[in-house]
């Protein structure tokens, strides 16, 4: 199953992002970003498996989309733009 990651600047931002998505019916979980994607060490992300484009639209409207977006294929992540 496809996994999407939305990186966040802090744990607080990741929690706000996940809560907003959950409020709109999109299952989201706060997670630490995989080490191979982390440029600053301790970075958090929101992980989703469905409704990625809808989530991006919601986050843009609420000014919460400030990080990079990734999709996981097998064991590797690829940065995506929407």
PDB file of N, CA and C in Angstrom:
ATOM      1  N   UNK A   1       0.845  -1.184   0.000  1.00  0.00           N
ATOM      2  CA  UNK A   1       0.000   0.000   0.000  1.00  0.00           C
ATOM      3  C   UNK A   1       0.889   1.246   0.000  1.00  0.00           C
ATOM      4  N   UNK A   2       0.475   2.249  -0.724  1.00  0.00           N
ATOM      5  CA  UNK A   2       1.229   3.493  -0.849  1.00  0.00           C
ATOM      6  C   UNK A   2       1.171   4.284   0.456  1.00  0.00           C
ATOM      7  N   UNK A   3       2.308   4.850   0.820  1.00  0.00           N
ATOM      8  CA  UNK A   3       2.383   5.714   2.000  1.00  0.00           C
ATOM      9  C   UNK A   3       2.884   7.082   1.554  1.00  0.00           C
ATOM     10  N   UNK A   4       2.249   8.116   2.074  1.00  0.00           N
ATOM     11  CA  UNK A   4       2.654   9.491   1.792  1.00  0.00           C
ATOM     12  C   UNK A   4       3.143  10.122   3.080  1.00  0.00           C
ATOM     13  N   UNK A   5       4.155  10.977   2.981  1.00  0.00           N
ATOM     14  CA  UNK A   5       4.662  11.727   4.126  1.00  0.00           C
ATOM     15  C   UNK A   5       4.616  13.213   3.820  1.00  0.00           C
ATOM     16  N   UNK A   6       4.124  13.962   4.784  1.00  0.00           N
ATOM     17  CA  UNK A   6       4.134  15.421   4.714  1.00  0.00           C
ATOM     18  C   UNK A   6       5.040  15.877   5.853  1.00  0.00           C
ATOM     19  N   UNK A   7       6.201  16.423   5.514  1.00  0.00           N
ATOM     20  CA  UNK A   7       7.139  16.812   6.569  1.00  0.00           C
ATOM     21  C   UNK A   7       6.682  18.099   7.236  1.00  0.00           C
ATOM     22  N   UNK A   8       7.020  18.217   8.503  1.00  0.00           N
ATOM     23  CA  UNK A   8       6.630  19.372   9.321  1.00  0.00           C
ATOM     24  C   UNK A   8       7.856  19.923  10.029  1.00  0.00           C
ATOM     25  N   UNK A   9       7.782  21.171  10.413  1.00  0.00           N
ATOM     26  CA  UNK A   9       8.916  21.836  11.067  1.00  0.00           C
ATOM     27  C   UNK A   9       9.084  21.447  12.534  1.00  0.00           C
ATOM     28  N   UNK A  10       7.998  20.997  13.140  1.00  0.00           N
ATOM     29  CA  UNK A  10       8.061  20.675  14.562  1.00  0.00           C
ATOM     30  C   UNK A  10       7.008  19.628  14.900  1.00  0.00           C
ATOM     31  N   UNK A  11       7.124  19.069  16.076  1.00  0.00           N
ATOM     32  CA  UNK A  11       6.130  18.116  16.556  1.00  0.00           C
ATOM     33  C   UNK A  11       4.771  18.790  16.682  1.00  0.00           C
ATOM     34  N   UNK A  12       4.747  20.020  17.172  1.00  0.00           N
ATOM     35  CA  UNK A  12       3.489  20.752  17.326  1.00  0.00           C
ATOM     36  C   UNK A  12       2.800  20.948  15.981  1.00  0.00           C
ATOM     37  N   UNK A  13       3.549  21.330  14.955  1.00  0.00           N
ATOM     38  CA  UNK A  13       2.956  21.511  13.630  1.00  0.00           C
ATOM     39  C   UNK A  13       2.440  20.175  13.088  1.00  0.00           C
ATOM     40  N   UNK A  14       3.166  19.110  13.313  1.00  0.00           N
ATOM     41  CA  UNK A  14       2.724  17.793  12.857  1.00  0.00           C
ATOM     42  C   UNK A  14       1.418  17.394  13.552  1.00  0.00           C
ATOM     43  N   UNK A  15       1.317  17.676  14.836  1.00  0.00           N
ATOM     44  CA  UNK A  15       0.093  17.354  15.575  1.00  0.00           C
ATOM     45  C   UNK A  15      -1.085  18.181  15.061  1.00  0.00           C
ATOM     46  N   UNK A  16      -0.876  19.459  14.817  1.00  0.00           N
ATOM     47  CA  UNK A  16      -1.938  20.320  14.267  1.00  0.00           C
ATOM     48  C   UNK A  16      -2.381  19.815  12.887  1.00  0.00           C
ATOM     49  N   UNK A  17      -1.407  19.459  12.075  1.00  0.00           N
ATOM     50  CA  UNK A  17      -1.690  18.959  10.726  1.00  0.00           C
ATOM     51  C   UNK A  17      -2.527  17.691  10.792  1.00  0.00           C
ATOM     52  N   UNK A  18      -2.124  16.745  11.617  1.00  0.00           N
ATOM     53  CA  UNK A  18      -2.856  15.485  11.733  1.00  0.00           C
ATOM     54  C   UNK A  18      -4.270  15.717  12.261  1.00  0.00           C
ATOM     55  N   UNK A  19      -4.419  16.595  13.246  1.00  0.00           N
ATOM     56  CA  UNK A  19      -5.756  16.885  13.798  1.00  0.00           C
ATOM     57  C   UNK A  19      -6.668  17.492  12.739  1.00  0.00           C
ATOM     58  N   UNK A  20      -6.135  18.423  11.961  1.00  0.00           N
ATOM     59  CA  UNK A  20      -6.932  19.059  10.914  1.00  0.00           C
ATOM     60  C   UNK A  20      -7.388  18.027   9.879  1.00  0.00           C
ATOM     61  N   UNK A  21      -6.483  17.166   9.468  1.00  0.00           N
ATOM     62  CA  UNK A  21      -6.847  16.143   8.487  1.00  0.00           C
ATOM     63  C   UNK A  21      -7.884  15.173   9.052  1.00  0.00           C
ATOM     64  N   UNK A  22      -7.708  14.767  10.293  1.00  0.00           N
ATOM     65  CA  UNK A  22      -8.674  13.873  10.942  1.00  0.00           C
ATOM     66  C   UNK A  22     -10.052  14.534  11.001  1.00  0.00           C
ATOM     67  N   UNK A  23     -10.070  15.822  11.279  1.00  0.00           N
ATOM     68  CA  UNK A  23     -11.324  16.583  11.333  1.00  0.00           C
ATOM     69  C   UNK A  23     -12.056  16.551   9.991  1.00  0.00           C
ATOM     70  N   UNK A  24     -11.286  16.420   8.896  1.00  0.00           N
ATOM     71  CA  UNK A  24     -11.859  16.357   7.551  1.00  0.00           C
ATOM     72  C   UNK A  24     -12.022  14.910   7.058  1.00  0.00           C
ATOM     73  N   UNK A  25     -11.908  13.957   7.960  1.00  0.00           N
ATOM     74  CA  UNK A  25     -12.133  12.560   7.603  1.00  0.00           C
ATOM     75  C   UNK A  25     -10.975  11.857   6.922  1.00  0.00           C
ATOM     76  N   UNK A  26      -9.780  12.390   7.080  1.00  0.00           N
ATOM     77  CA  UNK A  26      -8.592  11.770   6.482  1.00  0.00           C
ATOM     78  C   UNK A  26      -7.740  11.188   7.604  1.00  0.00           C
ATOM     79  N   UNK A  27      -7.539   9.878   7.585  1.00  0.00           N
ATOM     80  CA  UNK A  27      -6.715   9.230   8.602  1.00  0.00           C
ATOM     81  C   UNK A  27      -5.268   9.671   8.444  1.00  0.00           C
ATOM     82  N   UNK A  28      -4.691  10.172   9.523  1.00  0.00           N
ATOM     83  CA  UNK A  28      -3.318  10.677   9.501  1.00  0.00           C
ATOM     84  C   UNK A  28      -2.649  10.347  10.822  1.00  0.00           C
ATOM     85  N   UNK A  29      -1.347  10.092  10.763  1.00  0.00           N
ATOM     86  CA  UNK A  29      -0.595   9.766  11.968  1.00  0.00           C
ATOM     87  C   UNK A  29       0.698  10.567  12.010  1.00  0.00           C
ATOM     88  N   UNK A  30       1.046  11.046  13.190  1.00  0.00           N
ATOM     89  CA  UNK A  30       2.314  11.757  13.388  1.00  0.00           C
ATOM     90  C   UNK A  30       3.407  10.705  13.543  1.00  0.00           C
ATOM     91  N   UNK A  31       4.508  10.926  12.840  1.00  0.00           N
ATOM     92  CA  UNK A  31       5.626   9.992  12.896  1.00  0.00           C
ATOM     93  C   UNK A  31       6.941  10.754  12.759  1.00  0.00           C
ATOM     94  N   UNK A  32       8.022  10.138  13.188  1.00  0.00           N
ATOM     95  CA  UNK A  32       9.338  10.726  12.918  1.00  0.00           C
ATOM     96  C   UNK A  32       9.680  10.420  11.476  1.00  0.00           C
ATOM     97  N   UNK A  33      10.301  11.364  10.816  1.00  0.00           N
ATOM     98  CA  UNK A  33      10.667  11.160   9.418  1.00  0.00           C
ATOM     99  C   UNK A  33      11.823  10.157   9.353  1.00  0.00           C
ATOM    100  N   UNK A  34      11.838   9.295   8.349  1.00  0.00           N
ATOM    101  CA  UNK A  34      12.953   8.348   8.221  1.00  0.00           C
ATOM    102  C   UNK A  34      14.281   9.091   8.121  1.00  0.00           C
ATOM    103  N   UNK A  35      15.308   8.505   8.703  1.00  0.00           N
ATOM    104  CA  UNK A  35      16.608   9.164   8.778  1.00  0.00           C
ATOM    105  C   UNK A  35      17.169   9.547   7.412  1.00  0.00           C
ATOM    106  N   UNK A  36      16.906   8.739   6.382  1.00  0.00           N
ATOM    107  CA  UNK A  36      17.451   9.056   5.061  1.00  0.00           C
ATOM    108  C   UNK A  36      16.843  10.324   4.461  1.00  0.00           C
ATOM    109  N   UNK A  37      15.700  10.771   4.996  1.00  0.00           N
ATOM    110  CA  UNK A  37      15.064  11.997   4.508  1.00  0.00           C
ATOM    111  C   UNK A  37      15.361  13.202   5.390  1.00  0.00           C
ATOM    112  N   UNK A  38      15.841  12.961   6.576  1.00  0.00           N
ATOM    113  CA  UNK A  38      16.048  14.034   7.539  1.00  0.00           C
ATOM    114  C   UNK A  38      17.356  14.760   7.276  1.00  0.00           C
ATOM    115  N   UNK A  39      17.262  16.076   7.123  1.00  0.00           N
ATOM    116  CA  UNK A  39      18.454  16.882   6.908  1.00  0.00           C
ATOM    117  C   UNK A  39      18.898  17.563   8.203  1.00  0.00           C
ATOM    118  N   UNK A  40      17.996  17.631   9.182  1.00  0.00           N
ATOM    119  CA  UNK A  40      18.315  18.338  10.421  1.00  0.00           C
ATOM    120  C   UNK A  40      18.210  17.435  11.639  1.00  0.00           C
ATOM    121  N   UNK A  41      18.122  16.150  11.449  1.00  0.00           N
ATOM    122  CA  UNK A  41      18.033  15.253  12.594  1.00  0.00           C
ATOM    123  C   UNK A  41      16.605  14.936  12.965  1.00  0.00           C
ATOM    124  N   UNK A  42      16.093  15.576  13.984  1.00  0.00           N
ATOM    125  CA  UNK A  42      14.789  15.252  14.553  1.00  0.00           C
ATOM    126  C   UNK A  42      13.669  16.019  13.853  1.00  0.00           C
ATOM    127  N   UNK A  43      13.122  15.449  12.797  1.00  0.00           N
ATOM    128  CA  UNK A  43      12.042  16.076  12.055  1.00  0.00           C
ATOM    129  C   UNK A  43      10.821  15.178  12.099  1.00  0.00           C
ATOM    130  N   UNK A  44       9.663  15.775  12.147  1.00  0.00           N
ATOM    131  CA  UNK A  44       8.420  15.010  12.208  1.00  0.00           C
ATOM    132  C   UNK A  44       7.657  15.124  10.905  1.00  0.00           C
ATOM    133  N   UNK A  45       6.793  14.148  10.696  1.00  0.00           N
ATOM    134  CA  UNK A  45       5.979  14.126   9.485  1.00  0.00           C
ATOM    135  C   UNK A  45       4.597  13.600   9.838  1.00  0.00           C
ATOM    136  N   UNK A  46       3.687  13.811   8.906  1.00  0.00           N
ATOM    137  CA  UNK A  46       2.355  13.229   9.002  1.00  0.00           C
ATOM    138  C   UNK A  46       2.276  12.186   7.895  1.00  0.00           C
ATOM    139  N   UNK A  47       1.866  11.008   8.267  1.00  0.00           N
ATOM    140  CA  UNK A  47       1.788   9.891   7.341  1.00  0.00           C
ATOM    141  C   UNK A  47       0.333   9.622   6.975  1.00  0.00           C
ATOM    142  N   UNK A  48       0.079   9.411   5.679  1.00  0.00           N
ATOM    143  CA  UNK A  48      -1.262   9.046   5.215  1.00  0.00           C
ATOM    144  C   UNK A  48      -1.149   7.956   4.171  1.00  0.00           C
ATOM    145  N   UNK A  49      -2.231   7.257   3.981  1.00  0.00           N
ATOM    146  CA  UNK A  49      -2.258   6.191   2.982  1.00  0.00           C
ATOM    147  C   UNK A  49      -3.271   6.471   1.871  1.00  0.00           C
ATOM    148  N   UNK A  50      -4.178   7.412   2.089  1.00  0.00           N
ATOM    149  CA  UNK A  50      -5.209   7.725   1.098  1.00  0.00           C
ATOM    150  C   UNK A  50      -5.483   9.221   1.097  1.00  0.00           C
ATOM    151  N   UNK A  51      -6.170   9.677   0.067  1.00  0.00           N
ATOM    152  CA  UNK A  51      -6.643  11.056  -0.045  1.00  0.00           C
ATOM    153  C   UNK A  51      -5.514  12.096   0.042  1.00  0.00           C
ATOM    154  N   UNK A  52      -4.386  11.776  -0.570  1.00  0.00           N
ATOM    155  CA  UNK A  52      -3.220  12.648  -0.487  1.00  0.00           C
ATOM    156  C   UNK A  52      -3.484  14.024  -1.096  1.00  0.00           C
ATOM    157  N   UNK A  53      -4.022  14.065  -2.307  1.00  0.00           N
ATOM    158  CA  UNK A  53      -4.261  15.361  -2.955  1.00  0.00           C
ATOM    159  C   UNK A  53      -5.291  16.183  -2.195  1.00  0.00           C
ATOM    160  N   UNK A  54      -6.303  15.542  -1.654  1.00  0.00           N
ATOM    161  CA  UNK A  54      -7.300  16.241  -0.834  1.00  0.00           C
ATOM    162  C   UNK A  54      -6.641  16.813   0.418  1.00  0.00           C
ATOM    163  N   UNK A  55      -5.758  16.041   1.029  1.00  0.00           N
ATOM    164  CA  UNK A  55      -5.048  16.503   2.225  1.00  0.00           C
ATOM    165  C   UNK A  55      -4.188  17.725   1.912  1.00  0.00           C
ATOM    166  N   UNK A  56      -3.488  17.695   0.802  1.00  0.00           N
ATOM    167  CA  UNK A  56      -2.635  18.825   0.403  1.00  0.00           C
ATOM    168  C   UNK A  56      -3.485  20.080   0.206  1.00  0.00           C
ATOM    169  N   UNK A  57      -4.635  19.928  -0.431  1.00  0.00           N
ATOM    170  CA  UNK A  57      -5.535  21.068  -0.650  1.00  0.00           C
ATOM    171  C   UNK A  57      -5.995  21.659   0.678  1.00  0.00           C
ATOM    172  N   UNK A  58      -6.394  20.826   1.603  1.00  0.00           N
ATOM    173  CA  UNK A  58      -6.849  21.278   2.926  1.00  0.00           C
ATOM    174  C   UNK A  58      -5.719  22.005   3.654  1.00  0.00           C
ATOM    175  N   UNK A  59      -4.528  21.434   3.617  1.00  0.00           N
ATOM    176  CA  UNK A  59      -3.396  22.038   4.322  1.00  0.00           C
ATOM    177  C   UNK A  59      -2.989  23.374   3.703  1.00  0.00           C
ATOM    178  N   UNK A  60      -3.049  23.471   2.395  1.00  0.00           N
ATOM    179  CA  UNK A  60      -2.740  24.763   1.740  1.00  0.00           C
ATOM    180  C   UNK A  60      -3.741  25.836   2.157  1.00  0.00           C
ATOM    181  N   UNK A  61      -5.018  25.484   2.173  1.00  0.00           N
ATOM    182  CA  UNK A  61      -6.058  26.445   2.552  1.00  0.00           C
ATOM    183  C   UNK A  61      -5.881  26.933   3.988  1.00  0.00           C
ATOM    184  N   UNK A  62      -5.282  26.104   4.829  1.00  0.00           N
ATOM    185  CA  UNK A  62      -5.104  26.446   6.237  1.00  0.00           C
ATOM    186  C   UNK A  62      -3.670  26.859   6.563  1.00  0.00           C
ATOM    187  N   UNK A  63      -2.859  27.097   5.533  1.00  0.00           N
ATOM    188  CA  UNK A  63      -1.476  27.550   5.687  1.00  0.00           C
ATOM    189  C   UNK A  63      -0.641  26.622   6.574  1.00  0.00           C
ATOM    190  N   UNK A  64      -0.848  25.320   6.416  1.00  0.00           N
ATOM    191  CA  UNK A  64      -0.086  24.348   7.191  1.00  0.00           C
ATOM    192  C   UNK A  64       0.825  23.485   6.331  1.00  0.00           C
ATOM    193  N   UNK A  65       0.942  23.799   5.073  1.00  0.00           N
ATOM    194  CA  UNK A  65       1.792  23.000   4.192  1.00  0.00           C
ATOM    195  C   UNK A  65       3.102  23.740   3.980  1.00  0.00           C
ATOM    196  N   UNK A  66       4.083  23.446   4.815  1.00  0.00           N
ATOM    197  CA  UNK A  66       5.366  24.150   4.766  1.00  0.00           C
ATOM    198  C   UNK A  66       6.547  23.237   4.487  1.00  0.00           C
ATOM    199  N   UNK A  67       6.318  21.939   4.513  1.00  0.00           N
ATOM    200  CA  UNK A  67       7.421  21.003   4.338  1.00  0.00           C
ATOM    201  C   UNK A  67       7.393  20.316   2.991  1.00  0.00           C
ATOM    202  N   UNK A  68       8.246  19.314   2.871  1.00  0.00           N
ATOM    203  CA  UNK A  68       8.326  18.538   1.636  1.00  0.00           C
ATOM    204  C   UNK A  68       7.314  17.402   1.668  1.00  0.00           C
ATOM    205  N   UNK A  69       6.986  16.898   0.493  1.00  0.00           N
ATOM    206  CA  UNK A  69       6.027  15.812   0.339  1.00  0.00           C
ATOM    207  C   UNK A  69       6.745  14.619  -0.282  1.00  0.00           C
ATOM    208  N   UNK A  70       6.483  13.436   0.263  1.00  0.00           N
ATOM    209  CA  UNK A  70       7.128  12.222  -0.233  1.00  0.00           C
ATOM    210  C   UNK A  70       6.104  11.118  -0.424  1.00  0.00           C
ATOM    211  N   UNK A  71       6.404  10.229  -1.357  1.00  0.00           N
ATOM    212  CA  UNK A  71       5.634   9.007  -1.540  1.00  0.00           C
ATOM    213  C   UNK A  71       6.624   7.844  -1.399  1.00  0.00           C
ATOM    214  N   UNK A  72       6.164   6.800  -0.749  1.00  0.00           N
ATOM    215  CA  UNK A  72       7.018   5.629  -0.542  1.00  0.00           C
ATOM    216  C   UNK A  72       6.642   4.554  -1.552  1.00  0.00           C
ATOM    217  N   UNK A  73       7.645   4.094  -2.264  1.00  0.00           N
ATOM    218  CA  UNK A  73       7.488   2.986  -3.210  1.00  0.00           C
ATOM    219  C   UNK A  73       8.455   1.900  -2.787  1.00  0.00           C
ATOM    220  N   UNK A  74       7.927   0.795  -2.306  1.00  0.00           N
ATOM    221  CA  UNK A  74       8.789  -0.259  -1.788  1.00  0.00           C
ATOM    222  C   UNK A  74       9.516   0.229  -0.551  1.00  0.00           C
ATOM    223  N   UNK A  75      10.828   0.270  -0.606  1.00  0.00           N
ATOM    224  CA  UNK A  75      11.617   0.713   0.542  1.00  0.00           C
ATOM    225  C   UNK A  75      12.197   2.112   0.374  1.00  0.00           C
ATOM    226  N   UNK A  76      11.898   2.784  -0.750  1.00  0.00           N
ATOM    227  CA  UNK A  76      12.483   4.097  -0.977  1.00  0.00           C
ATOM    228  C   UNK A  76      11.411   5.184  -1.061  1.00  0.00           C
ATOM    229  N   UNK A  77      11.818   6.393  -0.758  1.00  0.00           N
ATOM    230  CA  UNK A  77      10.934   7.569  -0.792  1.00  0.00           C
ATOM    231  C   UNK A  77      11.323   8.465  -1.952  1.00  0.00           C
ATOM    232  N   UNK A  78      10.326   9.058  -2.586  1.00  0.00           N
ATOM    233  CA  UNK A  78      10.556   9.998  -3.675  1.00  0.00           C
ATOM    234  C   UNK A  78       9.797  11.292  -3.352  1.00  0.00           C
ATOM    235  N   UNK A  79      10.492  12.415  -3.498  1.00  0.00           N
ATOM    236  CA  UNK A  79       9.824  13.694  -3.274  1.00  0.00           C
ATOM    237  C   UNK A  79       8.839  13.953  -4.406  1.00  0.00           C
ATOM    238  N   UNK A  80       7.669  14.452  -4.058  1.00  0.00           N
ATOM    239  CA  UNK A  80       6.635  14.736  -5.058  1.00  0.00           C
ATOM    240  C   UNK A  80       6.168  16.181  -4.919  1.00  0.00           C
ATOM    241  N   UNK A  81       5.569  16.675  -5.992  1.00  0.00           N
ATOM    242  CA  UNK A  81       4.944  17.999  -5.966  1.00  0.00           C
ATOM    243  C   UNK A  81       3.499  17.835  -6.382  1.00  0.00           C
ATOM    244  N   UNK A  82       2.656  18.626  -5.801  1.00  0.00           N
ATOM    245  CA  UNK A  82       1.222  18.575  -6.117  1.00  0.00           C
ATOM    246  C   UNK A  82       0.761  19.973  -6.450  1.00  0.00           C
TER     247      UNK A  82
END
